[in-house]
Structures are given as C-alpha cells and as structure tokens.
C-alpha atoms as a PDB file:
ATOM      1  CA  MET A   1       0.088   0.010  -0.097  1.00  0.00           C
ATOM      2  CA  ALA A   2       2.643   2.362   0.951  1.00  0.00           C
ATOM      3  CA  TYR A   3       4.583   1.605  -2.313  1.00  0.00           C
ATOM      4  CA  LYS A   4       1.447   2.399  -4.442  1.00  0.00           C
ATOM      5  CA  PHE A   5       0.761   5.732  -2.356  1.00  0.00           C
ATOM      6  CA  LEU A   6       4.538   6.530  -3.232  1.00  0.00           C
ATOM      7  CA  ILE A   7       3.839   5.879  -7.053  1.00  0.00           C
ATOM      8  CA  VAL A   8       0.625   8.311  -6.564  1.00  0.00           C
ATOM      9  CA  LEU A   9       2.701  10.936  -5.317  1.00  0.00           C
ATOM     10  CA  ILE A  10       5.524  10.634  -7.957  1.00  0.00           C
ATOM     11  CA  VAL A  11       2.915  11.065 -10.306  1.00  0.00           C
ATOM     12  CA  LEU A  12       1.167  14.033  -8.937  1.00  0.00           C
ATOM     13  CA  LEU A  13       4.400  15.802  -8.293  1.00  0.00           C
ATOM     14  CA  SER A  14       5.377  15.323 -11.917  1.00  0.00           C
ATOM     15  CA  LEU A  15       2.289  16.428 -13.242  1.00  0.00           C
ATOM     16  CA  SER A  16       2.417  19.561 -10.983  1.00  0.00           C
ATOM     17  CA  MET A  17       5.847  19.995 -12.095  1.00  0.00           C
ATOM     18  CA  LEU A  18       4.777  19.714 -15.923  1.00  0.00           C
ATOM     19  CA  LYS A  19       2.096  22.353 -15.381  1.00  0.00           C
ATOM     20  CA  SER A  20       4.663  24.868 -13.874  1.00  0.00           C
ATOM     21  CA  VAL A  21       6.904  24.569 -16.723  1.00  0.00           C
ATOM     22  CA  GLU A  22       3.991  24.817 -19.177  1.00  0.00           C
ATOM     23  CA  VAL A  23       2.948  28.377 -17.331  1.00  0.00           C
ATOM     24  CA  GLU A  24       6.544  29.369 -17.655  1.00  0.00           C
ATOM     25  CA  ASP A  25       7.090  28.533 -20.944  1.00  0.00           C
ATOM     26  CA  THR A  26       3.941  30.633 -22.018  1.00  0.00           C
ATOM     27  CA  TYR A  27       5.285  33.684 -20.071  1.00  0.00           C
ATOM     28  CA  LEU A  28       8.600  33.558 -22.086  1.00  0.00           C
ATOM     29  CA  ALA A  29       6.708  32.864 -25.189  1.00  0.00           C
ATOM     30  CA  VAL A  30       4.683  36.098 -24.769  1.00  0.00           C
ATOM     31  CA  MET A  31       7.752  38.160 -23.980  1.00  0.00           C
ATOM     32  CA  ASN A  32       9.602  36.818 -26.941  1.00  0.00           C
ATOM     33  CA  ALA A  33       6.666  37.391 -29.043  1.00  0.00           C
ATOM     34  CA  TYR A  34       6.394  41.004 -28.227  1.00  0.00           C
ATOM     35  CA  GLU A  35      10.528  41.369 -28.491  1.00  0.00           C
ATOM     36  CA  LYS A  36      10.177  39.989 -32.240  1.00  0.00           C
ATOM     37  CA  ILE A  37       7.830  42.854 -33.402  1.00  0.00           C
ATOM     38  CA  GLU A  38       8.692  46.691 -33.910  1.00  0.00           C
ATOM     39  CA  ASN A  39       4.991  47.760 -33.945  1.00  0.00           C
ATOM     40  CA  PHE A  40       1.874  46.808 -32.732  1.00  0.00           C
ATOM     41  CA  GLN A  41      -1.665  48.122 -33.193  1.00  0.00           C
ATOM     42  CA  ALA A  42      -5.228  47.409 -32.512  1.00  0.00           C
ATOM     43  CA  ASP A  43      -8.865  48.310 -31.925  1.00  0.00           C
ATOM     44  CA  LEU A  44      -9.363  48.580 -28.234  1.00  0.00           C
ATOM     45  CA  ILE A  45     -12.290  48.011 -26.042  1.00  0.00           C
ATOM     46  CA  GLN A  46     -11.977  49.179 -22.522  1.00  0.00           C
ATOM     47  CA  THR A  47     -14.573  48.342 -19.852  1.00  0.00           C
ATOM     48  CA  ASN A  48     -14.529  49.676 -16.506  1.00  0.00           C
ATOM     49  CA  THR A  49     -16.801  48.442 -13.791  1.00  0.00           C
ATOM     50  CA  PHE A  50     -17.013  50.501 -10.527  1.00  0.00           C
ATOM     51  CA  LYS A  51     -18.859  48.066  -8.001  1.00  0.00           C
ATOM     52  CA  ALA A  52     -19.843  50.701  -5.404  1.00  0.00           C
ATOM     53  CA  GLU A  53     -21.516  52.763  -7.863  1.00  0.00           C
ATOM     54  CA  LYS A  54     -22.861  49.706  -9.618  1.00  0.00           C
ATOM     55  CA  MET A  55     -21.817  51.788 -13.152  1.00  0.00           C
ATOM     56  CA  GLU A  56     -20.144  50.310 -16.323  1.00  0.00           C
ATOM     57  CA  ILE A  57     -18.239  52.419 -18.695  1.00  0.00           C
ATOM     58  CA  GLU A  58     -17.232  51.287 -22.188  1.00  0.00           C
ATOM     59  CA  SER A  59     -14.706  53.227 -24.265  1.00  0.00           C
ATOM     60  CA  LYS A  60     -13.403  52.793 -27.653  1.00  0.00           C
ATOM     61  CA  ALA A  61      -9.882  53.547 -28.864  1.00  0.00           C
ATOM     62  CA  LYS A  62      -7.077  52.900 -31.336  1.00  0.00           C
ATOM     63  CA  PHE A  63      -4.211  51.058 -29.646  1.00  0.00           C
ATOM     64  CA  TYR A  64      -0.619  51.835 -30.777  1.00  0.00           C
ATOM     65  CA  TYR A  65       2.458  49.778 -28.848  1.00  0.00           C
ATOM     66  CA  GLN A  66       6.267  49.813 -29.635  1.00  0.00           C
ATOM     67  CA  SER A  67       8.598  48.759 -27.076  1.00  0.00           C
ATOM     68  CA  ASP A  68       9.348  52.077 -25.365  1.00  0.00           C
ATOM     69  CA  ARG A  69       5.980  53.742 -25.719  1.00  0.00           C
ATOM     70  CA  ILE A  70       2.247  53.410 -26.223  1.00  0.00           C
ATOM     71  CA  LYS A  71      -0.397  55.785 -27.394  1.00  0.00           C
ATOM     72  CA  ILE A  72      -4.194  55.097 -26.865  1.00  0.00           C
ATOM     73  CA  SER A  73      -6.477  57.259 -28.718  1.00  0.00           C
ATOM     74  CA  TYR A  74      -9.976  57.309 -27.492  1.00  0.00           C
ATOM     75  CA  SER A  75     -12.914  58.051 -29.708  1.00  0.00           C
ATOM     76  CA  GLU A  76     -15.822  57.055 -27.441  1.00  0.00           C
ATOM     77  CA  PRO A  77     -17.328  58.008 -25.047  1.00  0.00           C
ATOM     78  CA  GLN A  78     -15.187  61.086 -25.386  1.00  0.00           C
ATOM     79  CA  GLU A  79     -12.035  61.969 -27.316  1.00  0.00           C
ATOM     80  CA  GLN A  80      -9.045  61.732 -25.211  1.00  0.00           C
ATOM     81  CA  THR A  81      -5.359  60.660 -25.724  1.00  0.00           C
ATOM     82  CA  ILE A  82      -3.079  58.934 -23.633  1.00  0.00           C
ATOM     83  CA  LEU A  83       0.840  59.037 -24.866  1.00  0.00           C
ATOM     84  CA  MET A  84       3.183  56.874 -22.771  1.00  0.00           C
ATOM     85  CA  ASN A  85       6.936  57.247 -23.282  1.00  0.00           C
ATOM     86  CA  GLY A  86       8.530  55.208 -20.535  1.00  0.00           C
ATOM     87  CA  LEU A  87       7.259  56.361 -17.196  1.00  0.00           C
ATOM     88  CA  ALA A  88       6.679  59.883 -18.988  1.00  0.00           C
ATOM     89  CA  VAL A  89       2.825  60.257 -19.524  1.00  0.00           C
ATOM     90  CA  LYS A  90       0.604  62.961 -21.334  1.00  0.00           C
ATOM     91  CA  PHE A  91      -3.185  62.705 -21.285  1.00  0.00           C
ATOM     92  CA  TYR A  92      -4.984  65.026 -23.475  1.00  0.00           C
ATOM     93  CA  ASP A  93      -8.731  65.513 -22.796  1.00  0.00           C
ATOM     94  CA  LYS A  94     -10.564  67.295 -25.822  1.00  0.00           C
ATOM     95  CA  THR A  95     -13.654  68.240 -23.741  1.00  0.00           C
ATOM     96  CA  SER A  96     -11.838  70.299 -21.442  1.00  0.00           C
ATOM     97  CA  ASN A  97      -9.079  70.977 -23.947  1.00  0.00           C
ATOM     98  CA  THR A  98      -6.582  70.028 -20.822  1.00  0.00           C
ATOM     99  CA  CYS A  99      -3.482  68.390 -21.103  1.00  0.00           C
ATOM    100  CA  VAL A 100      -1.931  66.816 -18.041  1.00  0.00           C
ATOM    101  CA  GLU A 101       1.923  65.713 -18.120  1.00  0.00           C
ATOM    102  CA  MET A 102       3.078  63.769 -15.369  1.00  0.00           C
ATOM    103  CA  TRP A 103       5.832  61.083 -14.312  1.00  0.00           C
ATOM    104  CA  ASP A 104       3.545  58.036 -13.723  1.00  0.00           C
ATOM    105  CA  LYS A 105       4.497  54.906 -11.979  1.00  0.00           C
ATOM    106  CA  ASP A 106       1.058  53.510 -10.778  1.00  0.00           C
ATOM    107  CA  ASN A 107      -2.045  54.712 -12.774  1.00  0.00           C
ATOM    108  CA  THR A 108      -1.871  54.473 -16.464  1.00  0.00           C
ATOM    109  CA  ILE A 109       0.926  52.320 -16.690  1.00  0.00           C
ATOM    110  CA  SER A 110      -1.561  49.675 -15.962  1.00  0.00           C
ATOM    111  CA  LEU A 111      -2.704  50.177 -19.524  1.00  0.00           C
ATOM    112  CA  ASN A 112       0.429  48.440 -20.656  1.00  0.00           C
ATOM    113  CA  PRO A 113      -0.571  44.482 -20.463  1.00  0.00           C
ATOM    114  CA  LEU A 114       2.987  43.310 -20.961  1.00  0.00           C
ATOM    115  CA  PHE A 115       4.475  45.613 -18.323  1.00  0.00           C
ATOM    116  CA  ILE A 116       1.502  44.235 -15.760  1.00  0.00           C
ATOM    117  CA  ILE A 117       2.145  40.678 -16.591  1.00  0.00           C
ATOM    118  CA  ASP A 118       6.023  41.315 -16.230  1.00  0.00           C
ATOM    119  CA  LYS A 119       5.633  43.174 -12.993  1.00  0.00           C
ATOM    120  CA  TYR A 120       3.472  40.580 -11.269  1.00  0.00           C
ATOM    121  CA  TRP A 121       4.550  37.171 -12.685  1.00  0.00           C
ATOM    122  CA  LYS A 122       7.359  36.349  -9.934  1.00  0.00           C
ATOM    123  CA  TYR A 123       5.161  37.166  -7.290  1.00  0.00           C
ATOM    124  CA  SER A 124       1.836  35.849  -8.262  1.00  0.00           C
ATOM    125  CA  ASP A 125       0.193  32.246  -7.805  1.00  0.00           C
ATOM    126  CA  LYS A 126      -0.564  31.343 -11.299  1.00  0.00           C
ATOM    127  CA  LYS A 127      -3.313  29.116 -12.820  1.00  0.00           C
ATOM    128  CA  MET A 128      -3.539  28.310 -16.684  1.00  0.00           C
ATOM    129  CA  THR A 129      -6.392  26.742 -18.930  1.00  0.00           C
ATOM    130  CA  ASP A 130      -6.100  25.625 -22.451  1.00  0.00           C
ATOM    131  CA  GLU A 131      -9.244  26.603 -24.515  1.00  0.00           C
ATOM    132  CA  ASP A 132      -9.287  26.033 -28.311  1.00  0.00           C
ATOM    133  CA  THR A 133      -7.449  29.034 -29.691  1.00  0.00           C
ATOM    134  CA  ILE A 134      -6.808  30.825 -26.497  1.00  0.00           C
ATOM    135  CA  LEU A 135      -4.739  30.198 -23.289  1.00  0.00           C
ATOM    136  CA  LYS A 136      -6.512  31.427 -20.422  1.00  0.00           C
ATOM    137  CA  LEU A 137      -3.985  32.834 -17.529  1.00  0.00           C
ATOM    138  CA  SER A 138      -4.670  33.687 -13.940  1.00  0.00           C
ATOM    139  CA  LEU A 139      -2.672  35.745 -11.609  1.00  0.00           C
ATOM    140  CA  ARG A 140      -3.207  36.256  -7.963  1.00  0.00           C
ATOM    141  CA  PRO A 141      -0.402  38.838  -6.700  1.00  0.00           C
ATOM    142  CA  LEU A 142       0.697  37.631  -3.142  1.00  0.00           C
ATOM    143  CA  GLN A 143       2.728  40.955  -1.997  1.00  0.00           C
ATOM    144  CA  GLU A 144       1.179  44.033  -3.490  1.00  0.00           C
ATOM    145  CA  ASN A 145      -2.351  45.247  -2.770  1.00  0.00           C
ATOM    146  CA  GLU A 146      -3.012  47.054  -5.961  1.00  0.00           C
ATOM    147  CA  PHE A 147      -4.490  44.248  -7.690  1.00  0.00           C
ATOM    148  CA  LYS A 148      -6.572  41.323  -6.369  1.00  0.00           C
ATOM    149  CA  THR A 149      -6.641  39.061  -9.415  1.00  0.00           C
ATOM    150  CA  ILE A 150      -5.273  39.689 -13.066  1.00  0.00           C
ATOM    151  CA  LEU A 151      -6.579  37.728 -15.986  1.00  0.00           C
ATOM    152  CA  VAL A 152      -4.996  37.282 -19.121  1.00  0.00           C
ATOM    153  CA  GLU A 153      -6.053  35.782 -22.496  1.00  0.00           C
ATOM    154  CA  ILE A 154      -3.205  34.690 -25.144  1.00  0.00           C
ATOM    155  CA  SER A 155      -3.549  33.922 -28.481  1.00  0.00           C
ATOM    156  CA  LYS A 156      -2.265  30.339 -28.821  1.00  0.00           C
ATOM    157  CA  GLU A 157      -1.495  31.477 -32.859  1.00  0.00           C
ATOM    158  CA  ASN A 158       1.360  34.059 -31.895  1.00  0.00           C
ATOM    159  CA  TYR A 159       0.984  34.424 -28.334  1.00  0.00           C
ATOM    160  CA  PHE A 160      -0.326  38.047 -28.443  1.00  0.00           C
ATOM    161  CA  ILE A 161      -2.379  39.250 -25.655  1.00  0.00           C
ATOM    162  CA  THR A 162      -6.118  39.644 -26.884  1.00  0.00           C
ATOM    163  CA  MET A 163      -7.426  40.294 -23.135  1.00  0.00           C
ATOM    164  CA  ILE A 164      -6.209  41.394 -19.876  1.00  0.00           C
ATOM    165  CA  SER A 165      -8.464  42.235 -17.101  1.00  0.00           C
ATOM    166  CA  TYR A 166      -7.588  43.157 -13.407  1.00  0.00           C
ATOM    167  CA  GLU A 167      -9.579  43.574 -10.337  1.00  0.00           C
ATOM    168  CA  ASP A 168      -8.601  45.627  -7.418  1.00  0.00           C
ATOM    169  CA  PRO A 169      -9.245  44.920  -3.775  1.00  0.00           C
ATOM    170  CA  ASP A 170     -12.467  46.953  -3.644  1.00  0.00           C
ATOM    171  CA  GLY A 171     -14.142  45.075  -6.545  1.00  0.00           C
ATOM    172  CA  ASN A 172     -13.533  47.454  -9.366  1.00  0.00           C
ATOM    173  CA  ILE A 173     -12.432  45.778 -12.602  1.00  0.00           C
ATOM    174  CA  VAL A 174     -10.813  47.241 -15.678  1.00  0.00           C
ATOM    175  CA  ASN A 175     -11.011  45.155 -19.077  1.00  0.00           C
ATOM    176  CA  LEU A 176      -8.967  45.676 -22.051  1.00  0.00           C
ATOM    177  CA  LYS A 177     -10.126  43.818 -24.906  1.00  0.00           C
ATOM    178  CA  PHE A 178      -7.690  44.024 -28.319  1.00  0.00           C
ATOM    179  CA  ASN A 179      -9.541  43.460 -31.704  1.00  0.00           C
ATOM    180  CA  ASN A 180      -7.866  43.538 -35.187  1.00  0.00           C
ATOM    181  CA  ILE A 181      -4.406  43.238 -34.156  1.00  0.00           C
ATOM    182  CA  ASN A 182      -1.803  44.324 -36.907  1.00  0.00           C
ATOM    183  CA  THR A 183       1.972  43.911 -36.567  1.00  0.00           C
ATOM    184  CA  ASP A 184       2.715  44.280 -40.027  1.00  0.00           C
ATOM    185  CA  THR A 185       1.991  47.970 -40.673  1.00  0.00           C
ATOM    186  CA  GLU A 186       4.458  50.592 -39.667  1.00  0.00           C
ATOM    187  CA  ILE A 187       3.341  53.101 -37.432  1.00  0.00           C
ATOM    188  CA  PRO A 188       3.687  56.693 -38.775  1.00  0.00           C
ATOM    189  CA  GLU A 189       6.207  58.931 -36.667  1.00  0.00           C
ATOM    190  CA  ASP A 190       3.646  61.678 -36.422  1.00  0.00           C
ATOM    191  CA  THR A 191       1.418  59.058 -34.376  1.00  0.00           C
ATOM    192  CA  TRP A 192       3.804  59.655 -31.515  1.00  0.00           C
ATOM    193  CA  ARG A 193       2.999  63.632 -31.534  1.00  0.00           C
ATOM    194  CA  LEU A 194       0.231  65.312 -29.819  1.00  0.00           C
ATOM    195  CA  ASN A 195      -1.068  67.961 -31.922  1.00  0.00           C
ATOM    196  CA  LEU A 196      -2.309  70.286 -29.289  1.00  0.00           C
ATOM    197  CA  PRO A 197      -4.344  73.352 -29.605  1.00  0.00           C
ATOM    198  CA  GLU A 198      -2.731  76.620 -29.029  1.00  0.00           C
ATOM    199  CA  ASP A 199      -5.202  77.650 -26.034  1.00  0.00           C
ATOM    200  CA  VAL A 200      -4.680  74.134 -24.378  1.00  0.00           C
ATOM    201  CA  ASN A 201      -4.839  74.221 -20.883  1.00  0.00           C
ATOM    202  CA  TYR A 202      -1.494  72.506 -19.698  1.00  0.00           C
ATOM    203  CA  ILE A 203      -0.759  71.252 -16.321  1.00  0.00           C
ATOM    204  CA  LYS A 204       2.579  69.601 -15.221  1.00  0.00           C
ATOM    205  CA  ARG A 205       2.625  67.266 -11.971  1.00  0.00           C
END
C-alpha cells in the first residue's frame, strides 16, 4: 500500500511540475513574441466596472504599441489621448481642452498589458487553462495590494495578448480587449506626437 501511495505521489508531483513548466513557457513565449515585433496596433475596447457605484463604462480606442512607448486614442465616449513614453505620460482631454503631463508609476501604466504581466509574474499564484485557440491565465498577486486578480487571454497562434482584465481589492474591474491586431503595418512617426491646440490648458504634475 505504501509503495502504491509513493507511486501516486510521484505522478502527482510530476504533473504539477509539468504544469508549472508549461505556465513558465507561456510567459517566455509572450515576452519573446513582443520582442520580435517593432509595431503593434489594434482596436481597443476598454470596460471599467465600478462596484460601489454599480456602474460600467465602455470606451473605444486605437491602441499603438512599440517597446518604449504606447499611445491610446479614445473616440468614445469622449475624445481623449494617452501618450506614454517610458514612465513619462501625457493625457489630453478634448472636451476640457486640458493636457496633463506627469511622471507616472501607478496609474496609466496599468494600460500596458506586457508591463503588468512582467511586474506581477514572479510574485503571483498562477493558473492556466487551454481553451481552443486561446490560453487563459490567472494571476493572483501575493505581495502587493494594488490588484486582487489579473486575468489574461493569450492567442495560441502568435502568443499576443488579446485580453487582460484586473480587479482591485474593492472589486473594481478594468477590462482591455484587443481586436484586429496588426503587426505588419509601420506606425507613422507623427502618430507619437500630440497636436495640441494653442489655447490648451497645460498642467504639469
């Protein structure tokens, strides 16, 4: 009986190690996929769910990505632009004609899905399931209180992130879904400029 139990234990440990390897391999595959491309652009649908207010807001935008910068141009529900160059961030709101420039470490950086995965990977409980054309990855950060859970959907075809969703300790959820992903078209250099009106209200923080 003890011999059979030992065999079962070895099999279970082996399966656990295999699963861990598969999860780690997926992480490396995602990082490698983004390292190989120069440009990434997609249609973004962002959903913010506010638990206390029982409110959900859906935004639509164009998402542009390069290794050192990101631009998100929102068209709905109102025209806004976020331009991230490293941790330097500019946020422009057309309705108020206001541009805020800041050195950001916590807020808009969460709109960079690759940064989020890389930041929390090492210190999270990880689970992964294989569903048809996508891999579903769940991260539960162990050492920080910023996020309660992070859910990621990864394309099995090219290992690009097609969806990332994160929930804070208060139950508020941000969901980013990427459609019409394009890595073949070069992003024009003027995409990375903010063409601001002369009378813009400029704020530095």
